[in-house]
PDB file of N, CA and C in Angstrom:
ATOM      1  N   MET A   1       3.590  11.196  -1.761  1.00  0.00           N
ATOM      2  CA  MET A   1       3.655  10.930  -3.600  1.00  0.00           C
ATOM      3  C   MET A   1       2.838   9.549  -3.602  1.00  0.00           C
ATOM      4  N   ILE A   2       2.650   9.305  -4.082  1.00  0.00           N
ATOM      5  CA  ILE A   2       2.085   8.142  -4.364  1.00  0.00           C
ATOM      6  C   ILE A   2       2.979   7.656  -6.289  1.00  0.00           C
ATOM      7  N   GLU A   3       3.844   6.618  -6.394  1.00  0.00           N
ATOM      8  CA  GLU A   3       4.414   6.305  -7.775  1.00  0.00           C
ATOM      9  C   GLU A   3       3.727   4.435  -7.718  1.00  0.00           C
ATOM     10  N   ILE A   4       3.842   4.777  -9.051  1.00  0.00           N
ATOM     11  CA  ILE A   4       3.308   3.018  -9.478  1.00  0.00           C
ATOM     12  C   ILE A   4       4.046   2.995 -10.695  1.00  0.00           C
ATOM     13  N   THR A   5       4.249   1.732 -10.715  1.00  0.00           N
ATOM     14  CA  THR A   5       5.272   0.607 -11.872  1.00  0.00           C
ATOM     15  C   THR A   5       4.699  -0.382 -11.853  1.00  0.00           C
ATOM     16  N   THR A   6       5.128  -1.227 -12.892  1.00  0.00           N
ATOM     17  CA  THR A   6       4.621  -2.315 -13.086  1.00  0.00           C
ATOM     18  C   THR A   6       5.167  -3.065 -13.733  1.00  0.00           C
ATOM     19  N   SER A   7       5.088  -4.480 -13.407  1.00  0.00           N
ATOM     20  CA  SER A   7       5.788  -5.820 -14.386  1.00  0.00           C
ATOM     21  C   SER A   7       4.849  -6.516 -14.998  1.00  0.00           C
ATOM     22  N   ALA A   8       5.238  -8.069 -15.325  1.00  0.00           N
ATOM     23  CA  ALA A   8       4.003  -8.665 -15.937  1.00  0.00           C
ATOM     24  C   ALA A   8       3.399  -9.321 -14.720  1.00  0.00           C
ATOM     25  N   SER A   9       3.808  -9.626 -13.973  1.00  0.00           N
ATOM     26  CA  SER A   9       2.582 -10.246 -12.860  1.00  0.00           C
ATOM     27  C   SER A   9       2.324  -9.309 -11.868  1.00  0.00           C
ATOM     28  N   SER A  10       2.811  -8.143 -11.613  1.00  0.00           N
ATOM     29  CA  SER A  10       3.008  -6.865 -10.207  1.00  0.00           C
ATOM     30  C   SER A  10       2.180  -5.544 -10.546  1.00  0.00           C
ATOM     31  N   VAL A  11       1.889  -5.386 -10.085  1.00  0.00           N
ATOM     32  CA  VAL A  11       1.693  -3.469  -9.914  1.00  0.00           C
ATOM     33  C   VAL A  11       2.267  -3.362  -8.597  1.00  0.00           C
ATOM     34  N   THR A  12       3.573  -2.467  -8.459  1.00  0.00           N
ATOM     35  CA  THR A  12       3.682  -1.766  -7.168  1.00  0.00           C
ATOM     36  C   THR A  12       3.408  -0.641  -7.208  1.00  0.00           C
ATOM     37  N   LEU A  13       2.890  -0.233  -5.660  1.00  0.00           N
ATOM     38  CA  LEU A  13       2.285   1.472  -5.268  1.00  0.00           C
ATOM     39  C   LEU A  13       3.379   1.637  -4.134  1.00  0.00           C
ATOM     40  N   ALA A  14       4.777   2.549  -4.736  1.00  0.00           N
ATOM     41  CA  ALA A  14       5.335   3.028  -3.652  1.00  0.00           C
ATOM     42  C   ALA A  14       4.567   4.462  -3.252  1.00  0.00           C
ATOM     43  N   ILE A  15       4.937   4.136  -1.670  1.00  0.00           N
ATOM     44  CA  ILE A  15       4.529   5.692  -0.900  1.00  0.00           C
ATOM     45  C   ILE A  15       5.657   6.151  -0.316  1.00  0.00           C
ATOM     46  N   VAL A  16       5.519   7.799  -0.825  1.00  0.00           N
ATOM     47  CA  VAL A  16       6.937   8.767  -0.645  1.00  0.00           C
ATOM     48  C   VAL A  16       5.981   9.158   0.282  1.00  0.00           C
ATOM     49  N   GLY A  17       6.848   9.674   1.517  1.00  0.00           N
ATOM     50  CA  GLY A  17       5.945  10.576   2.306  1.00  0.00           C
ATOM     51  C   GLY A  17       5.087  10.431   3.504  1.00  0.00           C
ATOM     52  N   ASP A  18       3.892  11.098   3.344  1.00  0.00           N
ATOM     53  CA  ASP A  18       2.821  10.616   3.889  1.00  0.00           C
ATOM     54  C   ASP A  18       1.472  10.126   3.015  1.00  0.00           C
ATOM     55  N   LEU A  19       0.727   8.864   3.951  1.00  0.00           N
ATOM     56  CA  LEU A  19      -0.439   8.705   2.838  1.00  0.00           C
ATOM     57  C   LEU A  19      -1.896   9.320   4.161  1.00  0.00           C
ATOM     58  N   ASP A  20      -2.119  10.259   3.639  1.00  0.00           N
ATOM     59  CA  ASP A  20      -3.156  10.837   4.614  1.00  0.00           C
ATOM     60  C   ASP A  20      -4.454  11.444   4.035  1.00  0.00           C
ATOM     61  N   LEU A  21      -4.889  12.405   4.615  1.00  0.00           N
ATOM     62  CA  LEU A  21      -6.127  13.091   4.520  1.00  0.00           C
ATOM     63  C   LEU A  21      -5.816  14.021   3.298  1.00  0.00           C
ATOM     64  N   ALA A  22      -4.733  14.596   3.346  1.00  0.00           N
ATOM     65  CA  ALA A  22      -4.061  15.189   2.390  1.00  0.00           C
ATOM     66  C   ALA A  22      -4.234  14.755   1.121  1.00  0.00           C
ATOM     67  N   GLU A  23      -3.666  13.971   1.004  1.00  0.00           N
ATOM     68  CA  GLU A  23      -3.639  12.869  -0.175  1.00  0.00           C
ATOM     69  C   GLU A  23      -4.881  12.445  -1.023  1.00  0.00           C
ATOM     70  N   ARG A  24      -5.806  12.344  -0.196  1.00  0.00           N
ATOM     71  CA  ARG A  24      -7.112  11.540  -0.508  1.00  0.00           C
ATOM     72  C   ARG A  24      -7.521  12.101  -1.898  1.00  0.00           C
ATOM     73  N   ASP A  25      -7.571  12.965  -2.291  1.00  0.00           N
ATOM     74  CA  ASP A  25      -7.983  13.533  -3.629  1.00  0.00           C
ATOM     75  C   ASP A  25      -7.426  12.783  -4.912  1.00  0.00           C
ATOM     76  N   GLN A  26      -6.054  12.167  -4.194  1.00  0.00           N
ATOM     77  CA  GLN A  26      -5.426  11.369  -5.366  1.00  0.00           C
ATOM     78  C   GLN A  26      -6.346   9.866  -5.321  1.00  0.00           C
ATOM     79  N   PHE A  27      -6.806   9.166  -4.426  1.00  0.00           N
ATOM     80  CA  PHE A  27      -6.545   8.287  -4.072  1.00  0.00           C
ATOM     81  C   PHE A  27      -7.885   7.324  -4.700  1.00  0.00           C
ATOM     82  N   PRO A  28      -9.225   7.815  -5.470  1.00  0.00           N
ATOM     83  CA  PRO A  28      -9.745   7.471  -6.379  1.00  0.00           C
ATOM     84  C   PRO A  28      -9.284   7.288  -8.080  1.00  0.00           C
ATOM     85  N   GLN A  29      -8.242   8.124  -8.434  1.00  0.00           N
ATOM     86  CA  GLN A  29      -7.717   7.982  -9.658  1.00  0.00           C
ATOM     87  C   GLN A  29      -6.660   6.914  -9.458  1.00  0.00           C
ATOM     88  N   MET A  30      -5.585   6.693  -8.577  1.00  0.00           N
ATOM     89  CA  MET A  30      -4.840   5.760  -8.121  1.00  0.00           C
ATOM     90  C   MET A  30      -5.362   4.131  -8.269  1.00  0.00           C
ATOM     91  N   ALA A  31      -6.659   4.149  -7.595  1.00  0.00           N
ATOM     92  CA  ALA A  31      -7.243   2.926  -7.495  1.00  0.00           C
ATOM     93  C   ALA A  31      -7.713   2.375  -8.582  1.00  0.00           C
ATOM     94  N   ALA A  32      -8.304   3.032  -9.483  1.00  0.00           N
ATOM     95  CA  ALA A  32      -9.091   3.164 -10.993  1.00  0.00           C
ATOM     96  C   ALA A  32      -7.613   2.751 -12.163  1.00  0.00           C
ATOM     97  N   LYS A  33      -6.436   3.337 -11.869  1.00  0.00           N
ATOM     98  CA  LYS A  33      -5.329   3.124 -12.358  1.00  0.00           C
ATOM     99  C   LYS A  33      -4.868   1.411 -12.241  1.00  0.00           C
ATOM    100  N   ILE A  34      -4.849   1.370 -11.081  1.00  0.00           N
ATOM    101  CA  ILE A  34      -4.491   0.018 -10.213  1.00  0.00           C
ATOM    102  C   ILE A  34      -5.423  -1.504 -10.638  1.00  0.00           C
ATOM    103  N   ASN A  35      -6.682  -0.919 -10.922  1.00  0.00           N
ATOM    104  CA  ASN A  35      -7.592  -1.945 -10.895  1.00  0.00           C
ATOM    105  C   ASN A  35      -7.966  -2.244 -12.547  1.00  0.00           C
ATOM    106  N   GLN A  36      -7.214  -0.730 -13.670  1.00  0.00           N
ATOM    107  CA  GLN A  36      -7.325  -1.041 -14.456  1.00  0.00           C
ATOM    108  C   GLN A  36      -6.577  -1.841 -15.281  1.00  0.00           C
ATOM    109  N   LEU A  37      -5.024  -2.001 -14.732  1.00  0.00           N
ATOM    110  CA  LEU A  37      -3.828  -2.644 -15.202  1.00  0.00           C
ATOM    111  C   LEU A  37      -4.119  -4.326 -14.681  1.00  0.00           C
ATOM    112  N   CYS A  38      -4.530  -4.481 -13.749  1.00  0.00           N
ATOM    113  CA  CYS A  38      -5.451  -5.900 -13.543  1.00  0.00           C
ATOM    114  C   CYS A  38      -3.709  -6.892 -13.733  1.00  0.00           C
ATOM    115  N   ARG A  39      -3.374  -6.876 -12.279  1.00  0.00           N
ATOM    116  CA  ARG A  39      -2.549  -7.722 -12.617  1.00  0.00           C
ATOM    117  C   ARG A  39      -2.669  -8.474 -11.326  1.00  0.00           C
ATOM    118  N   PRO A  40      -2.140  -9.621 -10.906  1.00  0.00           N
ATOM    119  CA  PRO A  40      -2.162 -10.615  -9.950  1.00  0.00           C
ATOM    120  C   PRO A  40      -2.071 -10.108  -8.418  1.00  0.00           C
ATOM    121  N   ARG A  41      -0.583  -9.638  -8.508  1.00  0.00           N
ATOM    122  CA  ARG A  41      -0.121  -8.713  -7.252  1.00  0.00           C
ATOM    123  C   ARG A  41      -0.183  -7.928  -7.458  1.00  0.00           C
ATOM    124  N   LEU A  42      -0.544  -6.906  -5.784  1.00  0.00           N
ATOM    125  CA  LEU A  42      -0.238  -5.715  -5.835  1.00  0.00           C
ATOM    126  C   LEU A  42       0.705  -5.404  -4.655  1.00  0.00           C
ATOM    127  N   VAL A  43       1.766  -4.888  -4.715  1.00  0.00           N
ATOM    128  CA  VAL A  43       2.988  -4.829  -4.108  1.00  0.00           C
ATOM    129  C   VAL A  43       2.922  -3.164  -3.540  1.00  0.00           C
ATOM    130  N   ILE A  44       2.836  -3.240  -2.096  1.00  0.00           N
ATOM    131  CA  ILE A  44       2.747  -1.605  -1.647  1.00  0.00           C
ATOM    132  C   ILE A  44       3.857  -1.621  -0.697  1.00  0.00           C
ATOM    133  N   ASP A  45       4.824  -0.331  -1.465  1.00  0.00           N
ATOM    134  CA  ASP A  45       5.870  -0.032  -0.818  1.00  0.00           C
ATOM    135  C   ASP A  45       5.928   0.742   0.228  1.00  0.00           C
ATOM    136  N   MET A  46       5.949   0.491   1.181  1.00  0.00           N
ATOM    137  CA  MET A  46       6.287   1.591   2.390  1.00  0.00           C
ATOM    138  C   MET A  46       7.460   1.949   3.299  1.00  0.00           C
ATOM    139  N   CYS A  47       8.346   1.398   2.084  1.00  0.00           N
ATOM    140  CA  CYS A  47       9.987   2.012   2.794  1.00  0.00           C
ATOM    141  C   CYS A  47      10.165   3.655   2.880  1.00  0.00           C
ATOM    142  N   GLN A  48       9.645   4.355   1.968  1.00  0.00           N
ATOM    143  CA  GLN A  48       9.590   5.862   2.170  1.00  0.00           C
ATOM    144  C   GLN A  48       8.219   6.406   2.854  1.00  0.00           C
ATOM    145  N   ALA A  49       7.561   5.516   3.131  1.00  0.00           N
ATOM    146  CA  ALA A  49       6.228   6.039   4.043  1.00  0.00           C
ATOM    147  C   ALA A  49       6.833   6.899   5.120  1.00  0.00           C
ATOM    148  N   VAL A  50       5.864   7.923   4.976  1.00  0.00           N
ATOM    149  CA  VAL A  50       6.365   8.291   6.848  1.00  0.00           C
ATOM    150  C   VAL A  50       5.635   9.098   7.526  1.00  0.00           C
ATOM    151  N   PHE A  51       4.303   9.067   7.103  1.00  0.00           N
ATOM    152  CA  PHE A  51       3.173   8.981   8.340  1.00  0.00           C
ATOM    153  C   PHE A  51       1.534   8.413   7.110  1.00  0.00           C
ATOM    154  N   MET A  52       0.751   7.201   8.185  1.00  0.00           N
ATOM    155  CA  MET A  52      -0.029   7.231   7.749  1.00  0.00           C
ATOM    156  C   MET A  52      -1.192   7.142   8.728  1.00  0.00           C
ATOM    157  N   ASP A  53      -2.386   7.922   8.170  1.00  0.00           N
ATOM    158  CA  ASP A  53      -3.824   7.948   9.234  1.00  0.00           C
ATOM    159  C   ASP A  53      -4.653   7.219   8.814  1.00  0.00           C
ATOM    160  N   SER A  54      -6.291   7.404   9.006  1.00  0.00           N
ATOM    161  CA  SER A  54      -7.274   6.350   8.968  1.00  0.00           C
ATOM    162  C   SER A  54      -7.673   6.370   7.422  1.00  0.00           C
ATOM    163  N   ALA A  55      -7.118   7.628   6.948  1.00  0.00           N
ATOM    164  CA  ALA A  55      -7.716   7.626   5.758  1.00  0.00           C
ATOM    165  C   ALA A  55      -6.708   7.081   4.475  1.00  0.00           C
ATOM    166  N   GLY A  56      -5.381   6.722   5.019  1.00  0.00           N
ATOM    167  CA  GLY A  56      -4.529   6.296   3.970  1.00  0.00           C
ATOM    168  C   GLY A  56      -4.650   4.696   4.463  1.00  0.00           C
ATOM    169  N   ALA A  57      -5.318   4.226   5.806  1.00  0.00           N
ATOM    170  CA  ALA A  57      -5.391   3.157   6.058  1.00  0.00           C
ATOM    171  C   ALA A  57      -6.500   2.472   4.954  1.00  0.00           C
ATOM    172  N   GLY A  58      -7.977   3.647   4.791  1.00  0.00           N
ATOM    173  CA  GLY A  58      -8.755   3.073   4.249  1.00  0.00           C
ATOM    174  C   GLY A  58      -8.620   2.739   2.782  1.00  0.00           C
ATOM    175  N   PHE A  59      -7.473   3.586   2.238  1.00  0.00           N
ATOM    176  CA  PHE A  59      -7.167   3.099   0.983  1.00  0.00           C
ATOM    177  C   PHE A  59      -6.324   1.811   0.647  1.00  0.00           C
ATOM    178  N   LEU A  60      -5.252   1.706   1.365  1.00  0.00           N
ATOM    179  CA  LEU A  60      -5.130   0.554   1.302  1.00  0.00           C
ATOM    180  C   LEU A  60      -5.810  -0.427   1.240  1.00  0.00           C
ATOM    181  N   ILE A  61      -6.748  -0.265   2.088  1.00  0.00           N
ATOM    182  CA  ILE A  61      -7.717  -1.660   2.764  1.00  0.00           C
ATOM    183  C   ILE A  61      -8.777  -1.737   1.541  1.00  0.00           C
ATOM    184  N   SER A  62      -9.082  -0.387   1.147  1.00  0.00           N
ATOM    185  CA  SER A  62      -9.577  -0.744  -0.209  1.00  0.00           C
ATOM    186  C   SER A  62      -9.103  -1.570  -1.401  1.00  0.00           C
ATOM    187  N   LEU A  63      -7.710  -1.089  -1.745  1.00  0.00           N
ATOM    188  CA  LEU A  63      -6.873  -2.021  -2.464  1.00  0.00           C
ATOM    189  C   LEU A  63      -6.904  -3.276  -2.306  1.00  0.00           C
ATOM    190  N   ALA A  64      -6.343  -3.469  -1.345  1.00  0.00           N
ATOM    191  CA  ALA A  64      -6.801  -4.891  -0.918  1.00  0.00           C
ATOM    192  C   ALA A  64      -7.772  -5.946  -1.087  1.00  0.00           C
ATOM    193  N   GLY A  65      -9.039  -5.615  -0.854  1.00  0.00           N
ATOM    194  CA  GLY A  65     -10.255  -5.975  -0.816  1.00  0.00           C
ATOM    195  C   GLY A  65     -10.145  -6.294  -2.488  1.00  0.00           C
ATOM    196  N   ALA A  66     -10.272  -5.084  -3.493  1.00  0.00           N
ATOM    197  CA  ALA A  66     -10.237  -5.263  -4.917  1.00  0.00           C
ATOM    198  C   ALA A  66      -9.352  -6.093  -5.017  1.00  0.00           C
ATOM    199  N   ALA A  67      -8.386  -6.374  -4.531  1.00  0.00           N
ATOM    200  CA  ALA A  67      -7.001  -7.156  -5.286  1.00  0.00           C
ATOM    201  C   ALA A  67      -7.595  -8.652  -5.009  1.00  0.00           C
ATOM    202  N   ALA A  68      -8.018  -9.047  -3.694  1.00  0.00           N
ATOM    203  CA  ALA A  68      -8.999 -10.294  -3.494  1.00  0.00           C
ATOM    204  C   ALA A  68      -9.981 -10.335  -3.992  1.00  0.00           C
ATOM    205  N   LYS A  69     -10.745  -9.205  -4.241  1.00  0.00           N
ATOM    206  CA  LYS A  69     -11.953  -9.595  -5.422  1.00  0.00           C
ATOM    207  C   LYS A  69     -11.800 -10.345  -6.911  1.00  0.00           C
ATOM    208  N   HIS A  70     -10.728  -9.743  -7.358  1.00  0.00           N
ATOM    209  CA  HIS A  70     -10.213 -10.355  -8.573  1.00  0.00           C
ATOM    210  C   HIS A  70      -8.877 -11.483  -8.404  1.00  0.00           C
ATOM    211  N   GLY A  71      -9.301 -12.071  -7.483  1.00  0.00           N
ATOM    212  CA  GLY A  71      -8.129 -13.294  -7.005  1.00  0.00           C
ATOM    213  C   GLY A  71      -6.563 -12.932  -6.954  1.00  0.00           C
ATOM    214  N   GLY A  72      -6.638 -11.793  -6.767  1.00  0.00           N
ATOM    215  CA  GLY A  72      -4.813 -11.496  -6.425  1.00  0.00           C
ATOM    216  C   GLY A  72      -4.855 -11.658  -4.683  1.00  0.00           C
ATOM    217  N   THR A  73      -3.502 -11.027  -4.734  1.00  0.00           N
ATOM    218  CA  THR A  73      -2.677 -10.794  -3.575  1.00  0.00           C
ATOM    219  C   THR A  73      -2.126  -9.659  -3.219  1.00  0.00           C
ATOM    220  N   ALA A  74      -2.439  -8.935  -2.242  1.00  0.00           N
ATOM    221  CA  ALA A  74      -1.674  -7.566  -1.982  1.00  0.00           C
ATOM    222  C   ALA A  74      -0.801  -7.873  -0.903  1.00  0.00           C
ATOM    223  N   VAL A  75       0.456  -7.445  -1.151  1.00  0.00           N
ATOM    224  CA  VAL A  75       1.845  -7.361  -0.007  1.00  0.00           C
ATOM    225  C   VAL A  75       2.179  -6.121   0.138  1.00  0.00           C
ATOM    226  N   LEU A  76       2.222  -6.057   1.362  1.00  0.00           N
ATOM    227  CA  LEU A  76       2.689  -5.172   2.027  1.00  0.00           C
ATOM    228  C   LEU A  76       4.641  -5.280   2.543  1.00  0.00           C
ATOM    229  N   ARG A  77       5.477  -4.533   1.605  1.00  0.00           N
ATOM    230  CA  ARG A  77       7.110  -4.545   2.304  1.00  0.00           C
ATOM    231  C   ARG A  77       7.086  -3.105   2.846  1.00  0.00           C
ATOM    232  N   GLY A  78       8.114  -3.373   3.684  1.00  0.00           N
ATOM    233  CA  GLY A  78       9.058  -1.966   4.458  1.00  0.00           C
ATOM    234  C   GLY A  78       8.230  -1.257   5.359  1.00  0.00           C
ATOM    235  N   ILE A  79       6.965  -1.947   5.698  1.00  0.00           N
ATOM    236  CA  ILE A  79       5.742  -1.437   6.621  1.00  0.00           C
ATOM    237  C   ILE A  79       6.813  -1.216   8.383  1.00  0.00           C
ATOM    238  N   GLY A  80       6.564  -0.787   8.685  1.00  0.00           N
ATOM    239  CA  GLY A  80       7.014   0.216  10.344  1.00  0.00           C
ATOM    240  C   GLY A  80       5.617  -0.412  11.095  1.00  0.00           C
ATOM    241  N   PRO A  81       5.966  -0.587  12.310  1.00  0.00           N
ATOM    242  CA  PRO A  81       5.411  -0.928  13.387  1.00  0.00           C
ATOM    243  C   PRO A  81       4.114  -0.381  13.150  1.00  0.00           C
ATOM    244  N   ARG A  82       4.079   0.812  13.651  1.00  0.00           N
ATOM    245  CA  ARG A  82       3.015   2.008  13.618  1.00  0.00           C
ATOM    246  C   ARG A  82       1.948   1.976  12.783  1.00  0.00           C
ATOM    247  N   ASP A  83       2.513   1.898  11.185  1.00  0.00           N
ATOM    248  CA  ASP A  83       1.574   1.817  10.252  1.00  0.00           C
ATOM    249  C   ASP A  83       1.046  -0.046  10.079  1.00  0.00           C
ATOM    250  N   GLU A  84       1.503  -0.829  10.818  1.00  0.00           N
ATOM    251  CA  GLU A  84       1.234  -2.194  10.766  1.00  0.00           C
ATOM    252  C   GLU A  84      -0.082  -2.046  11.897  1.00  0.00           C
ATOM    253  N   PHE A  85       0.403  -1.234  13.203  1.00  0.00           N
ATOM    254  CA  PHE A  85      -0.544  -1.676  13.956  1.00  0.00           C
ATOM    255  C   PHE A  85      -1.764  -0.685  13.684  1.00  0.00           C
ATOM    256  N   VAL A  86      -1.804   0.215  12.699  1.00  0.00           N
ATOM    257  CA  VAL A  86      -2.830   0.915  12.462  1.00  0.00           C
ATOM    258  C   VAL A  86      -4.323  -0.214  11.334  1.00  0.00           C
ATOM    259  N   LEU A  87      -3.376  -0.937  10.757  1.00  0.00           N
ATOM    260  CA  LEU A  87      -4.164  -1.735  10.130  1.00  0.00           C
ATOM    261  C   LEU A  87      -4.568  -3.157  10.751  1.00  0.00           C
ATOM    262  N   GLU A  88      -3.498  -3.368  12.037  1.00  0.00           N
ATOM    263  CA  GLU A  88      -4.496  -4.329  12.938  1.00  0.00           C
ATOM    264  C   GLU A  88      -5.472  -3.768  13.609  1.00  0.00           C
ATOM    265  N   VAL A  89      -5.162  -2.487  14.505  1.00  0.00           N
ATOM    266  CA  VAL A  89      -6.646  -2.017  14.780  1.00  0.00           C
ATOM    267  C   VAL A  89      -7.880  -1.516  14.010  1.00  0.00           C
ATOM    268  N   CYS A  90      -7.484  -1.554  12.656  1.00  0.00           N
ATOM    269  CA  CYS A  90      -8.946  -1.435  11.409  1.00  0.00           C
ATOM    270  C   CYS A  90      -9.432  -3.364  11.511  1.00  0.00           C
ATOM    271  N   GLY A  91      -8.338  -4.239  11.890  1.00  0.00           N
ATOM    272  CA  GLY A  91      -8.809  -5.651  11.750  1.00  0.00           C
ATOM    273  C   GLY A  91      -8.856  -5.984   9.846  1.00  0.00           C
ATOM    274  N   ALA A  92      -7.822  -4.972   9.512  1.00  0.00           N
ATOM    275  CA  ALA A  92      -7.525  -5.290   8.098  1.00  0.00           C
ATOM    276  C   ALA A  92      -6.186  -5.952   7.613  1.00  0.00           C
ATOM    277  N   LEU A  93      -5.336  -6.150   8.823  1.00  0.00           N
ATOM    278  CA  LEU A  93      -3.841  -6.743   8.487  1.00  0.00           C
ATOM    279  C   LEU A  93      -4.312  -8.183   7.899  1.00  0.00           C
ATOM    280  N   GLU A  94      -5.092  -9.034   7.931  1.00  0.00           N
ATOM    281  CA  GLU A  94      -5.314 -10.286   7.519  1.00  0.00           C
ATOM    282  C   GLU A  94      -5.406  -9.931   6.250  1.00  0.00           C
ATOM    283  N   MET A  95      -5.638  -9.249   5.487  1.00  0.00           N
ATOM    284  CA  MET A  95      -5.915  -9.252   4.333  1.00  0.00           C
ATOM    285  C   MET A  95      -4.489  -8.670   3.541  1.00  0.00           C
ATOM    286  N   PHE A  96      -3.605  -8.136   3.995  1.00  0.00           N
ATOM    287  CA  PHE A  96      -2.672  -8.444   3.390  1.00  0.00           C
ATOM    288  C   PHE A  96      -1.272  -9.309   4.089  1.00  0.00           C
ATOM    289  N   ARG A  97      -0.447  -9.445   2.916  1.00  0.00           N
ATOM    290  CA  ARG A  97       0.469 -10.768   2.796  1.00  0.00           C
ATOM    291  C   ARG A  97       1.645  -9.502   3.137  1.00  0.00           C
ATOM    292  N   ILE A  98       3.058  -9.926   4.272  1.00  0.00           N
ATOM    293  CA  ILE A  98       3.622  -8.787   4.441  1.00  0.00           C
ATOM    294  C   ILE A  98       4.878  -9.862   4.755  1.00  0.00           C
ATOM    295  N   ASP A  99       5.561  -9.148   3.604  1.00  0.00           N
ATOM    296  CA  ASP A  99       7.186  -9.493   2.985  1.00  0.00           C
ATOM    297  C   ASP A  99       7.980  -8.313   4.380  1.00  0.00           C
ATOM    298  N   ARG A 100       8.130 -10.094   5.166  1.00  0.00           N
ATOM    299  CA  ARG A 100       9.179  -9.528   6.048  1.00  0.00           C
ATOM    300  C   ARG A 100      10.334  -9.878   6.264  1.00  0.00           C
ATOM    301  N   ASP A 101      10.506 -10.443   4.552  1.00  0.00           N
ATOM    302  CA  ASP A 101      12.064 -10.756   4.094  1.00  0.00           C
ATOM    303  C   ASP A 101      12.628  -9.664   3.535  1.00  0.00           C
ATOM    304  N   HIS A 102      11.640  -7.981   2.957  1.00  0.00           N
ATOM    305  CA  HIS A 102      11.898  -7.384   2.388  1.00  0.00           C
ATOM    306  C   HIS A 102      13.458  -6.346   3.235  1.00  0.00           C
ATOM    307  N   THR A 103      14.245  -5.765   2.265  1.00  0.00           N
ATOM    308  CA  THR A 103      15.162  -4.881   3.177  1.00  0.00           C
ATOM    309  C   THR A 103      14.996  -3.698   2.436  1.00  0.00           C
ATOM    310  N   CYS A 104      14.628  -2.453   3.081  1.00  0.00           N
ATOM    311  CA  CYS A 104      14.685  -1.736   2.243  1.00  0.00           C
ATOM    312  C   CYS A 104      15.992  -0.906   1.901  1.00  0.00           C
ATOM    313  N   GLU A 105      15.833  -0.216   0.532  1.00  0.00           N
ATOM    314  CA  GLU A 105      17.443  -0.197   0.330  1.00  0.00           C
ATOM    315  C   GLU A 105      17.429   1.630   0.754  1.00  0.00           C
ATOM    316  N   LEU A 106      16.720   2.198   0.741  1.00  0.00           N
ATOM    317  CA  LEU A 106      16.490   3.284   1.154  1.00  0.00           C
ATOM    318  C   LEU A 106      16.498   3.523   2.854  1.00  0.00           C
ATOM    319  N   SER A 107      16.815   4.024   3.718  1.00  0.00           N
ATOM    320  CA  SER A 107      16.070   4.880   5.067  1.00  0.00           C
ATOM    321  C   SER A 107      14.539   5.183   5.028  1.00  0.00           C
ATOM    322  N   ARG A 108      14.570   4.513   6.095  1.00  0.00           N
ATOM    323  CA  ARG A 108      12.643   5.935   5.821  1.00  0.00           C
ATOM    324  C   ARG A 108      12.971   7.331   6.727  1.00  0.00           C
ATOM    325  N   PRO A 109      12.319   8.083   5.423  1.00  0.00           N
ATOM    326  CA  PRO A 109      12.661   9.626   6.073  1.00  0.00           C
ATOM    327  C   PRO A 109      11.997   9.815   7.540  1.00  0.00           C
ATOM    328  N   SER A 110      12.535  10.513   7.963  1.00  0.00           N
ATOM    329  CA  SER A 110      12.068  10.842   9.437  1.00  0.00           C
ATOM    330  C   SER A 110      11.009  11.657   9.470  1.00  0.00           C
ATOM    331  N   ALA A 111      10.245  11.791  10.225  1.00  0.00           N
ATOM    332  CA  ALA A 111       9.118  12.348  10.231  1.00  0.00           C
ATOM    333  C   ALA A 111       8.859  13.711  10.825  1.00  0.00           C
TER     334      ALA A 111
END
C-alpha cells in the first residue's frame, strides 16, 4: 500500500508492505498525484516497507528524477540495508538524500 500526505513544503509517500511488480498499476497514478502537488521536498518513508523489487526501485528513481527536474529534493527515511543496496546497484542512490537521523516509530514488518 502507498499512502500520500502533504504539508506546506513536502509530500510524504509512505510505503506499507511491498513495493513491487504487483503494485505497479498504482505507480502512474501516484506519480501524477505527487507531481501535481508540486512541493519542493519529497519524503519517501520506508519504515513499514517489507520488500522492494526492481519495479519498485524504478518507481522511486522516477520520482526522484521528477523532483530534481523541478528543483526539489527526494529524501529516503527508514530505508533498510537491502533496499538501499538495490538503489545502489541501480546506480541511483545519489539521487536521494538519506535521512540517517530518522528513527522509525513502528518496527519494520517481518517479511
